[in-house]
PDB file of N, CA and C in Angstrom:
ATOM      1  N   UNK A   1     106.418  93.619  95.891  1.00  0.00           N
ATOM      2  CA  UNK A   1     107.678  93.755  96.690  1.00  0.00           C
ATOM      3  C   UNK A   1     108.415  92.687  96.058  1.00  0.00           C
ATOM      4  N   UNK A   2     107.944  91.481  95.825  1.00  0.00           N
ATOM      5  CA  UNK A   2     108.827  90.574  95.452  1.00  0.00           C
ATOM      6  C   UNK A   2     109.201  90.648  93.778  1.00  0.00           C
ATOM      7  N   UNK A   3     108.207  91.129  93.106  1.00  0.00           N
ATOM      8  CA  UNK A   3     108.448  91.739  91.650  1.00  0.00           C
ATOM      9  C   UNK A   3     109.643  92.535  91.483  1.00  0.00           C
ATOM     10  N   UNK A   4     109.337  93.407  92.459  1.00  0.00           N
ATOM     11  CA  UNK A   4     110.580  94.609  92.400  1.00  0.00           C
ATOM     12  C   UNK A   4     111.932  93.904  92.876  1.00  0.00           C
ATOM     13  N   UNK A   5     111.861  93.093  93.922  1.00  0.00           N
ATOM     14  CA  UNK A   5     113.355  92.604  94.246  1.00  0.00           C
ATOM     15  C   UNK A   5     113.665  91.669  93.129  1.00  0.00           C
ATOM     16  N   UNK A   6     112.842  90.942  92.341  1.00  0.00           N
ATOM     17  CA  UNK A   6     113.270  90.126  91.318  1.00  0.00           C
ATOM     18  C   UNK A   6     113.818  90.636  90.353  1.00  0.00           C
ATOM     19  N   UNK A   7     113.290  91.998  89.825  1.00  0.00           N
ATOM     20  CA  UNK A   7     113.527  92.640  88.931  1.00  0.00           C
ATOM     21  C   UNK A   7     114.829  93.398  89.158  1.00  0.00           C
ATOM     22  N   UNK A   8     115.237  93.988  90.255  1.00  0.00           N
ATOM     23  CA  UNK A   8     116.465  94.660  90.584  1.00  0.00           C
ATOM     24  C   UNK A   8     117.602  93.836  90.851  1.00  0.00           C
ATOM     25  N   UNK A   9     117.414  92.562  91.563  1.00  0.00           N
ATOM     26  CA  UNK A   9     118.491  91.909  91.984  1.00  0.00           C
ATOM     27  C   UNK A   9     118.907  91.030  90.835  1.00  0.00           C
ATOM     28  N   UNK A  10     118.079  90.351  90.149  1.00  0.00           N
ATOM     29  CA  UNK A  10     118.432  89.474  89.142  1.00  0.00           C
ATOM     30  C   UNK A  10     118.158  89.842  87.703  1.00  0.00           C
ATOM     31  N   UNK A  11     117.766  91.137  87.649  1.00  0.00           N
ATOM     32  CA  UNK A  11     117.506  91.740  86.088  1.00  0.00           C
ATOM     33  C   UNK A  11     116.296  91.136  85.421  1.00  0.00           C
ATOM     34  N   UNK A  12     115.468  90.484  85.989  1.00  0.00           N
ATOM     35  CA  UNK A  12     114.383  89.943  85.278  1.00  0.00           C
ATOM     36  C   UNK A  12     113.502  91.004  84.843  1.00  0.00           C
ATOM     37  N   UNK A  13     112.822  90.899  83.466  1.00  0.00           N
ATOM     38  CA  UNK A  13     111.934  92.129  83.155  1.00  0.00           C
ATOM     39  C   UNK A  13     110.825  91.928  83.895  1.00  0.00           C
ATOM     40  N   UNK A  14     110.296  93.034  84.216  1.00  0.00           N
ATOM     41  CA  UNK A  14     109.012  93.460  85.187  1.00  0.00           C
ATOM     42  C   UNK A  14     108.078  92.368  85.016  1.00  0.00           C
ATOM     43  N   UNK A  15     107.565  92.265  83.730  1.00  0.00           N
ATOM     44  CA  UNK A  15     106.398  91.274  83.542  1.00  0.00           C
ATOM     45  C   UNK A  15     106.849  90.030  83.851  1.00  0.00           C
ATOM     46  N   UNK A  16     107.932  89.591  83.531  1.00  0.00           N
ATOM     47  CA  UNK A  16     108.273  87.802  83.909  1.00  0.00           C
ATOM     48  C   UNK A  16     108.732  87.841  85.496  1.00  0.00           C
ATOM     49  N   UNK A  17     109.189  88.865  86.013  1.00  0.00           N
ATOM     50  CA  UNK A  17     109.246  88.889  87.709  1.00  0.00           C
ATOM     51  C   UNK A  17     107.895  89.088  88.138  1.00  0.00           C
ATOM     52  N   UNK A  18     107.052  89.535  87.723  1.00  0.00           N
ATOM     53  CA  UNK A  18     105.540  89.543  88.246  1.00  0.00           C
ATOM     54  C   UNK A  18     104.853  88.172  88.077  1.00  0.00           C
ATOM     55  N   UNK A  19     105.093  87.503  86.871  1.00  0.00           N
ATOM     56  CA  UNK A  19     104.753  85.989  86.813  1.00  0.00           C
ATOM     57  C   UNK A  19     105.516  85.162  87.868  1.00  0.00           C
ATOM     58  N   UNK A  20     106.732  85.293  88.029  1.00  0.00           N
ATOM     59  CA  UNK A  20     107.518  84.478  88.999  1.00  0.00           C
ATOM     60  C   UNK A  20     107.118  84.906  90.333  1.00  0.00           C
ATOM     61  N   UNK A  21     106.638  86.188  90.702  1.00  0.00           N
ATOM     62  CA  UNK A  21     106.599  86.433  92.206  1.00  0.00           C
ATOM     63  C   UNK A  21     104.993  85.879  92.246  1.00  0.00           C
ATOM     64  N   UNK A  22     104.068  85.640  91.310  1.00  0.00           N
ATOM     65  CA  UNK A  22     102.523  84.995  91.372  1.00  0.00           C
ATOM     66  C   UNK A  22     103.002  83.535  91.812  1.00  0.00           C
ATOM     67  N   UNK A  23     103.802  83.095  91.117  1.00  0.00           N
ATOM     68  CA  UNK A  23     104.203  81.534  91.481  1.00  0.00           C
ATOM     69  C   UNK A  23     104.788  81.117  92.755  1.00  0.00           C
ATOM     70  N   UNK A  24     105.717  82.065  93.432  1.00  0.00           N
ATOM     71  CA  UNK A  24     106.130  82.097  94.670  1.00  0.00           C
ATOM     72  C   UNK A  24     105.169  81.995  95.521  1.00  0.00           C
ATOM     73  N   UNK A  25     104.229  82.983  95.307  1.00  0.00           N
ATOM     74  CA  UNK A  25     102.974  83.280  96.196  1.00  0.00           C
ATOM     75  C   UNK A  25     101.895  82.162  96.338  1.00  0.00           C
ATOM     76  N   UNK A  26     102.050  81.289  95.211  1.00  0.00           N
ATOM     77  CA  UNK A  26     101.327  80.131  95.065  1.00  0.00           C
ATOM     78  C   UNK A  26     100.123  80.387  94.519  1.00  0.00           C
ATOM     79  N   UNK A  27     100.021  81.451  93.509  1.00  0.00           N
ATOM     80  CA  UNK A  27      98.679  81.862  92.825  1.00  0.00           C
ATOM     81  C   UNK A  27      98.667  81.240  91.585  1.00  0.00           C
ATOM     82  N   UNK A  28      97.692  80.480  91.302  1.00  0.00           N
ATOM     83  CA  UNK A  28      97.514  79.522  90.210  1.00  0.00           C
ATOM     84  C   UNK A  28      96.790  80.298  88.814  1.00  0.00           C
ATOM     85  N   UNK A  29      97.075  79.953  87.916  1.00  0.00           N
ATOM     86  CA  UNK A  29      96.597  80.683  86.578  1.00  0.00           C
ATOM     87  C   UNK A  29      95.208  79.816  86.237  1.00  0.00           C
ATOM     88  N   UNK A  30      94.232  80.569  85.861  1.00  0.00           N
ATOM     89  CA  UNK A  30      93.014  79.541  85.587  1.00  0.00           C
ATOM     90  C   UNK A  30      93.185  79.395  84.121  1.00  0.00           C
ATOM     91  N   UNK A  31      92.129  78.413  83.402  1.00  0.00           N
ATOM     92  CA  UNK A  31      92.290  77.985  82.156  1.00  0.00           C
ATOM     93  C   UNK A  31      92.019  79.245  81.189  1.00  0.00           C
ATOM     94  N   UNK A  32      91.187  80.040  81.629  1.00  0.00           N
ATOM     95  CA  UNK A  32      90.743  81.253  80.888  1.00  0.00           C
ATOM     96  C   UNK A  32      91.814  82.429  80.704  1.00  0.00           C
ATOM     97  N   UNK A  33      93.117  81.822  81.248  1.00  0.00           N
ATOM     98  CA  UNK A  33      94.207  83.113  81.309  1.00  0.00           C
ATOM     99  C   UNK A  33      94.196  83.921  82.408  1.00  0.00           C
ATOM    100  N   UNK A  34      93.094  84.093  83.364  1.00  0.00           N
ATOM    101  CA  UNK A  34      92.944  84.786  84.274  1.00  0.00           C
ATOM    102  C   UNK A  34      93.598  84.274  85.741  1.00  0.00           C
ATOM    103  N   UNK A  35      93.332  84.688  86.727  1.00  0.00           N
ATOM    104  CA  UNK A  35      94.016  84.076  88.033  1.00  0.00           C
ATOM    105  C   UNK A  35      92.497  83.910  88.963  1.00  0.00           C
ATOM    106  N   UNK A  36      92.849  82.815  89.828  1.00  0.00           N
ATOM    107  CA  UNK A  36      91.676  82.583  90.684  1.00  0.00           C
ATOM    108  C   UNK A  36      91.998  83.507  91.938  1.00  0.00           C
ATOM    109  N   UNK A  37      93.059  84.101  91.905  1.00  0.00           N
ATOM    110  CA  UNK A  37      93.198  85.115  92.937  1.00  0.00           C
ATOM    111  C   UNK A  37      93.508  84.641  94.452  1.00  0.00           C
ATOM    112  N   UNK A  38      93.498  83.191  94.631  1.00  0.00           N
ATOM    113  CA  UNK A  38      93.730  82.769  95.889  1.00  0.00           C
ATOM    114  C   UNK A  38      95.251  82.146  96.125  1.00  0.00           C
ATOM    115  N   UNK A  39      95.553  82.461  97.632  1.00  0.00           N
ATOM    116  CA  UNK A  39      96.849  82.056  97.789  1.00  0.00           C
ATOM    117  C   UNK A  39      96.952  80.630  98.076  1.00  0.00           C
ATOM    118  N   UNK A  40      98.036  80.110  97.949  1.00  0.00           N
ATOM    119  CA  UNK A  40      98.066  78.497  98.232  1.00  0.00           C
ATOM    120  C   UNK A  40      97.724  78.426  99.717  1.00  0.00           C
ATOM    121  N   UNK A  41      97.085  77.427 100.225  1.00  0.00           N
ATOM    122  CA  UNK A  41      96.693  77.092 101.454  1.00  0.00           C
ATOM    123  C   UNK A  41      97.913  77.174 102.633  1.00  0.00           C
ATOM    124  N   UNK A  42      99.087  76.562 101.981  1.00  0.00           N
ATOM    125  CA  UNK A  42     100.078  76.732 103.001  1.00  0.00           C
ATOM    126  C   UNK A  42     101.215  77.941 102.720  1.00  0.00           C
ATOM    127  N   UNK A  43     100.378  78.998 102.400  1.00  0.00           N
ATOM    128  CA  UNK A  43     101.278  80.218 101.968  1.00  0.00           C
ATOM    129  C   UNK A  43     102.173  80.823 103.074  1.00  0.00           C
ATOM    130  N   UNK A  44     102.017  80.384 104.261  1.00  0.00           N
ATOM    131  CA  UNK A  44     103.099  80.835 105.481  1.00  0.00           C
ATOM    132  C   UNK A  44     104.363  80.032 105.171  1.00  0.00           C
ATOM    133  N   UNK A  45     104.562  79.110 104.459  1.00  0.00           N
ATOM    134  CA  UNK A  45     106.060  78.511 104.399  1.00  0.00           C
ATOM    135  C   UNK A  45     106.945  79.459 103.394  1.00  0.00           C
ATOM    136  N   UNK A  46     108.102  78.992 103.371  1.00  0.00           N
ATOM    137  CA  UNK A  46     109.151  79.928 102.427  1.00  0.00           C
ATOM    138  C   UNK A  46     108.694  79.371 101.094  1.00  0.00           C
ATOM    139  N   UNK A  47     108.068  80.253 100.138  1.00  0.00           N
ATOM    140  CA  UNK A  47     107.728  79.883  98.947  1.00  0.00           C
ATOM    141  C   UNK A  47     108.811  79.501  98.002  1.00  0.00           C
ATOM    142  N   UNK A  48     108.564  78.465  97.298  1.00  0.00           N
ATOM    143  CA  UNK A  48     109.817  77.988  96.197  1.00  0.00           C
ATOM    144  C   UNK A  48     109.350  77.512  95.069  1.00  0.00           C
ATOM    145  N   UNK A  49     110.095  77.547  93.878  1.00  0.00           N
ATOM    146  CA  UNK A  49     109.734  76.999  92.610  1.00  0.00           C
ATOM    147  C   UNK A  49     110.929  76.517  92.146  1.00  0.00           C
ATOM    148  N   UNK A  50     110.948  75.552  91.212  1.00  0.00           N
ATOM    149  CA  UNK A  50     112.012  75.085  90.506  1.00  0.00           C
ATOM    150  C   UNK A  50     111.960  75.833  89.146  1.00  0.00           C
ATOM    151  N   UNK A  51     113.215  76.460  88.592  1.00  0.00           N
ATOM    152  CA  UNK A  51     113.123  76.947  87.707  1.00  0.00           C
ATOM    153  C   UNK A  51     114.366  76.271  86.666  1.00  0.00           C
ATOM    154  N   UNK A  52     114.108  75.016  86.471  1.00  0.00           N
ATOM    155  CA  UNK A  52     115.112  74.194  85.673  1.00  0.00           C
ATOM    156  C   UNK A  52     115.582  73.296  86.556  1.00  0.00           C
ATOM    157  N   UNK A  53     116.503  72.388  86.054  1.00  0.00           N
ATOM    158  CA  UNK A  53     116.970  71.143  86.661  1.00  0.00           C
ATOM    159  C   UNK A  53     117.710  71.457  87.579  1.00  0.00           C
ATOM    160  N   UNK A  54     118.525  72.376  87.562  1.00  0.00           N
ATOM    161  CA  UNK A  54     119.594  72.918  88.745  1.00  0.00           C
ATOM    162  C   UNK A  54     119.382  74.272  89.214  1.00  0.00           C
ATOM    163  N   UNK A  55     118.130  74.853  89.099  1.00  0.00           N
ATOM    164  CA  UNK A  55     117.758  76.161  89.544  1.00  0.00           C
ATOM    165  C   UNK A  55     116.614  76.186  90.341  1.00  0.00           C
ATOM    166  N   UNK A  56     116.751  76.600  92.066  1.00  0.00           N
ATOM    167  CA  UNK A  56     115.607  76.681  92.698  1.00  0.00           C
ATOM    168  C   UNK A  56     115.657  78.280  93.160  1.00  0.00           C
ATOM    169  N   UNK A  57     114.236  78.602  93.117  1.00  0.00           N
ATOM    170  CA  UNK A  57     114.085  80.043  93.452  1.00  0.00           C
ATOM    171  C   UNK A  57     113.133  80.120  94.771  1.00  0.00           C
ATOM    172  N   UNK A  58     113.384  80.892  95.749  1.00  0.00           N
ATOM    173  CA  UNK A  58     112.800  80.681  97.026  1.00  0.00           C
ATOM    174  C   UNK A  58     112.316  82.333  97.555  1.00  0.00           C
ATOM    175  N   UNK A  59     111.358  82.324  98.258  1.00  0.00           N
ATOM    176  CA  UNK A  59     111.038  83.567  98.900  1.00  0.00           C
ATOM    177  C   UNK A  59     110.373  83.433 100.359  1.00  0.00           C
ATOM    178  N   UNK A  60     110.907  84.241 101.299  1.00  0.00           N
ATOM    179  CA  UNK A  60     110.570  83.923 102.527  1.00  0.00           C
ATOM    180  C   UNK A  60     109.140  84.787 102.784  1.00  0.00           C
ATOM    181  N   UNK A  61     107.977  84.001 102.529  1.00  0.00           N
ATOM    182  CA  UNK A  61     106.733  84.529 102.600  1.00  0.00           C
ATOM    183  C   UNK A  61     106.114  85.322 104.030  1.00  0.00           C
ATOM    184  N   UNK A  62     106.832  84.591 105.131  1.00  0.00           N
ATOM    185  CA  UNK A  62     106.597  85.161 106.282  1.00  0.00           C
ATOM    186  C   UNK A  62     107.064  86.479 106.454  1.00  0.00           C
ATOM    187  N   UNK A  63     108.584  86.639 106.192  1.00  0.00           N
ATOM    188  CA  UNK A  63     109.081  87.852 106.228  1.00  0.00           C
ATOM    189  C   UNK A  63     108.284  88.919 105.245  1.00  0.00           C
ATOM    190  N   UNK A  64     108.047  88.507 104.413  1.00  0.00           N
ATOM    191  CA  UNK A  64     106.976  89.626 103.220  1.00  0.00           C
ATOM    192  C   UNK A  64     106.047  89.961 104.235  1.00  0.00           C
ATOM    193  N   UNK A  65     105.104  88.919 104.378  1.00  0.00           N
ATOM    194  CA  UNK A  65     103.977  89.245 105.267  1.00  0.00           C
ATOM    195  C   UNK A  65     104.147  90.211 106.170  1.00  0.00           C
ATOM    196  N   UNK A  66     105.187  89.965 107.343  1.00  0.00           N
ATOM    197  CA  UNK A  66     105.504  90.783 108.619  1.00  0.00           C
ATOM    198  C   UNK A  66     105.831  92.213 107.954  1.00  0.00           C
ATOM    199  N   UNK A  67     106.605  92.251 107.028  1.00  0.00           N
ATOM    200  CA  UNK A  67     107.095  93.866 106.336  1.00  0.00           C
ATOM    201  C   UNK A  67     105.790  94.645 105.966  1.00  0.00           C
ATOM    202  N   UNK A  68     105.180  93.679 105.090  1.00  0.00           N
ATOM    203  CA  UNK A  68     103.865  94.227 104.631  1.00  0.00           C
ATOM    204  C   UNK A  68     102.768  94.940 106.091  1.00  0.00           C
ATOM    205  N   UNK A  69     102.696  94.073 106.868  1.00  0.00           N
ATOM    206  CA  UNK A  69     102.160  94.323 107.882  1.00  0.00           C
ATOM    207  C   UNK A  69     102.618  95.823 108.707  1.00  0.00           C
ATOM    208  N   UNK A  70     103.867  95.691 108.856  1.00  0.00           N
ATOM    209  CA  UNK A  70     104.311  96.719 109.523  1.00  0.00           C
ATOM    210  C   UNK A  70     104.329  98.178 108.906  1.00  0.00           C
ATOM    211  N   UNK A  71     104.441  98.196 107.510  1.00  0.00           N
ATOM    212  CA  UNK A  71     104.205  99.179 106.376  1.00  0.00           C
ATOM    213  C   UNK A  71     102.699  99.550 106.588  1.00  0.00           C
ATOM    214  N   UNK A  72     101.803  98.647 106.701  1.00  0.00           N
ATOM    215  CA  UNK A  72     100.467  99.076 106.745  1.00  0.00           C
ATOM    216  C   UNK A  72     100.131  99.665 107.991  1.00  0.00           C
ATOM    217  N   UNK A  73     100.609  99.104 109.136  1.00  0.00           N
ATOM    218  CA  UNK A  73     100.397  99.795 110.408  1.00  0.00           C
ATOM    219  C   UNK A  73     101.100 101.094 110.466  1.00  0.00           C
ATOM    220  N   UNK A  74     102.126 101.514 110.011  1.00  0.00           N
ATOM    221  CA  UNK A  74     102.592 102.862 109.709  1.00  0.00           C
ATOM    222  C   UNK A  74     101.734 103.649 108.865  1.00  0.00           C
ATOM    223  N   UNK A  75     101.160 103.182 108.195  1.00  0.00           N
ATOM    224  CA  UNK A  75     100.572 103.993 107.092  1.00  0.00           C
ATOM    225  C   UNK A  75      99.118 104.527 107.792  1.00  0.00           C
ATOM    226  N   UNK A  76      98.784 103.728 108.434  1.00  0.00           N
ATOM    227  CA  UNK A  76      97.305 103.720 109.183  1.00  0.00           C
ATOM    228  C   UNK A  76      97.429 104.784 110.516  1.00  0.00           C
ATOM    229  N   UNK A  77      98.562 104.868 110.997  1.00  0.00           N
ATOM    230  CA  UNK A  77      98.992 105.908 111.956  1.00  0.00           C
ATOM    231  C   UNK A  77      99.092 107.436 111.475  1.00  0.00           C
ATOM    232  N   UNK A  78      99.654 107.366 110.157  1.00  0.00           N
ATOM    233  CA  UNK A  78      99.954 108.755 109.709  1.00  0.00           C
ATOM    234  C   UNK A  78      98.573 109.157 108.833  1.00  0.00           C
ATOM    235  N   UNK A  79      97.578 108.450 108.576  1.00  0.00           N
ATOM    236  CA  UNK A  79      96.433 108.945 107.911  1.00  0.00           C
ATOM    237  C   UNK A  79      95.454 109.728 108.870  1.00  0.00           C
ATOM    238  N   UNK A  80      95.172 111.122 108.456  1.00  0.00           N
ATOM    239  CA  UNK A  80      94.516 111.893 109.317  1.00  0.00           C
ATOM    240  C   UNK A  80      93.015 111.682 108.783  1.00  0.00           C
ATOM    241  N   UNK A  81      91.963 111.304 109.733  1.00  0.00           N
ATOM    242  CA  UNK A  81      90.671 111.339 109.364  1.00  0.00           C
ATOM    243  C   UNK A  81      90.045 112.729 109.227  1.00  0.00           C
ATOM    244  N   UNK A  82      89.259 112.747 107.912  1.00  0.00           N
ATOM    245  CA  UNK A  82      88.593 113.807 107.779  1.00  0.00           C
ATOM    246  C   UNK A  82      87.315 113.924 108.835  1.00  0.00           C
ATOM    247  N   UNK A  83      87.231 115.076 109.325  1.00  0.00           N
ATOM    248  CA  UNK A  83      86.066 115.431 110.288  1.00  0.00           C
ATOM    249  C   UNK A  83      84.587 115.155 109.568  1.00  0.00           C
ATOM    250  N   UNK A  84      83.941 114.634 110.124  1.00  0.00           N
ATOM    251  CA  UNK A  84      82.413 114.337 109.639  1.00  0.00           C
ATOM    252  C   UNK A  84      81.444 115.326 110.112  1.00  0.00           C
ATOM    253  N   UNK A  85      80.320 115.352 109.316  1.00  0.00           N
ATOM    254  CA  UNK A  85      79.257 116.396 109.788  1.00  0.00           C
ATOM    255  C   UNK A  85      79.458 117.774 109.410  1.00  0.00           C
ATOM    256  N   UNK A  86      78.607 118.523 109.611  1.00  0.00           N
ATOM    257  CA  UNK A  86      78.519 119.858 109.228  1.00  0.00           C
ATOM    258  C   UNK A  86      79.908 120.626 109.590  1.00  0.00           C
ATOM    259  N   UNK A  87      80.450 121.567 108.924  1.00  0.00           N
ATOM    260  CA  UNK A  87      81.535 122.418 109.460  1.00  0.00           C
ATOM    261  C   UNK A  87      81.070 123.224 110.469  1.00  0.00           C
ATOM    262  N   UNK A  88      81.798 123.384 111.411  1.00  0.00           N
ATOM    263  CA  UNK A  88      81.548 124.515 112.653  1.00  0.00           C
ATOM    264  C   UNK A  88      81.087 125.974 111.815  1.00  0.00           C
ATOM    265  N   UNK A  89      80.147 126.587 112.433  1.00  0.00           N
ATOM    266  CA  UNK A  89      79.668 127.920 112.157  1.00  0.00           C
ATOM    267  C   UNK A  89      80.864 128.819 112.705  1.00  0.00           C
ATOM    268  N   UNK A  90      81.041 129.831 111.702  1.00  0.00           N
ATOM    269  CA  UNK A  90      82.066 130.648 112.123  1.00  0.00           C
ATOM    270  C   UNK A  90      81.465 131.846 112.866  1.00  0.00           C
ATOM    271  N   UNK A  91      82.053 132.649 113.619  1.00  0.00           N
ATOM    272  CA  UNK A  91      81.567 133.764 114.424  1.00  0.00           C
ATOM    273  C   UNK A  91      81.205 134.938 113.765  1.00  0.00           C
ATOM    274  N   UNK A  92      81.735 135.186 112.555  1.00  0.00           N
ATOM    275  CA  UNK A  92      81.573 136.348 111.662  1.00  0.00           C
ATOM    276  C   UNK A  92      82.442 136.281 110.482  1.00  0.00           C
ATOM    277  N   UNK A  93      82.557 137.429 109.711  1.00  0.00           N
ATOM    278  CA  UNK A  93      83.215 137.190 108.492  1.00  0.00           C
ATOM    279  C   UNK A  93      84.834 136.964 108.623  1.00  0.00           C
ATOM    280  N   UNK A  94      85.226 136.312 107.674  1.00  0.00           N
ATOM    281  CA  UNK A  94      86.808 135.816 107.841  1.00  0.00           C
ATOM    282  C   UNK A  94      87.769 137.062 107.393  1.00  0.00           C
ATOM    283  N   UNK A  95      88.627 137.413 108.121  1.00  0.00           N
ATOM    284  CA  UNK A  95      89.451 138.407 107.556  1.00  0.00           C
ATOM    285  C   UNK A  95      90.513 137.920 106.505  1.00  0.00           C
ATOM    286  N   UNK A  96      90.817 138.704 105.372  1.00  0.00           N
ATOM    287  CA  UNK A  96      91.522 138.167 104.288  1.00  0.00           C
ATOM    288  C   UNK A  96      92.931 138.836 104.709  1.00  0.00           C
ATOM    289  N   UNK A  97      93.069 139.433 105.573  1.00  0.00           N
ATOM    290  CA  UNK A  97      94.692 140.131 106.040  1.00  0.00           C
ATOM    291  C   UNK A  97      94.631 141.620 105.107  1.00  0.00           C
ATOM    292  N   UNK A  98      95.923 141.885 105.055  1.00  0.00           N
ATOM    293  CA  UNK A  98      96.094 143.247 104.406  1.00  0.00           C
ATOM    294  C   UNK A  98      96.268 142.863 102.668  1.00  0.00           C
ATOM    295  N   UNK A  99      95.255 143.142 101.985  1.00  0.00           N
ATOM    296  CA  UNK A  99      95.133 143.118 100.660  1.00  0.00           C
ATOM    297  C   UNK A  99      95.344 144.332 100.039  1.00  0.00           C
TER     298      UNK A  99
END
């Protein structure tokens, strides 16, 4: 979501917006070029980074987390669980209608 917002609002290319979003989330790159995948310990705060001497970029991580939680809760409510076990036995042949 941060990547999308950075891309659309600021015109940052998606790849660069993704890297900026990762920094805002406090994710660190490892020496091998990969990521350790951990959020910064204080990831509840309003994430920010300096992008030069006079530019400061911030993201409200609390609001982002709440938004994601609300969307997940909505998604869970609309998912229909598949019936488990054997299908019920039918009483006889199934009519195919007027064919």
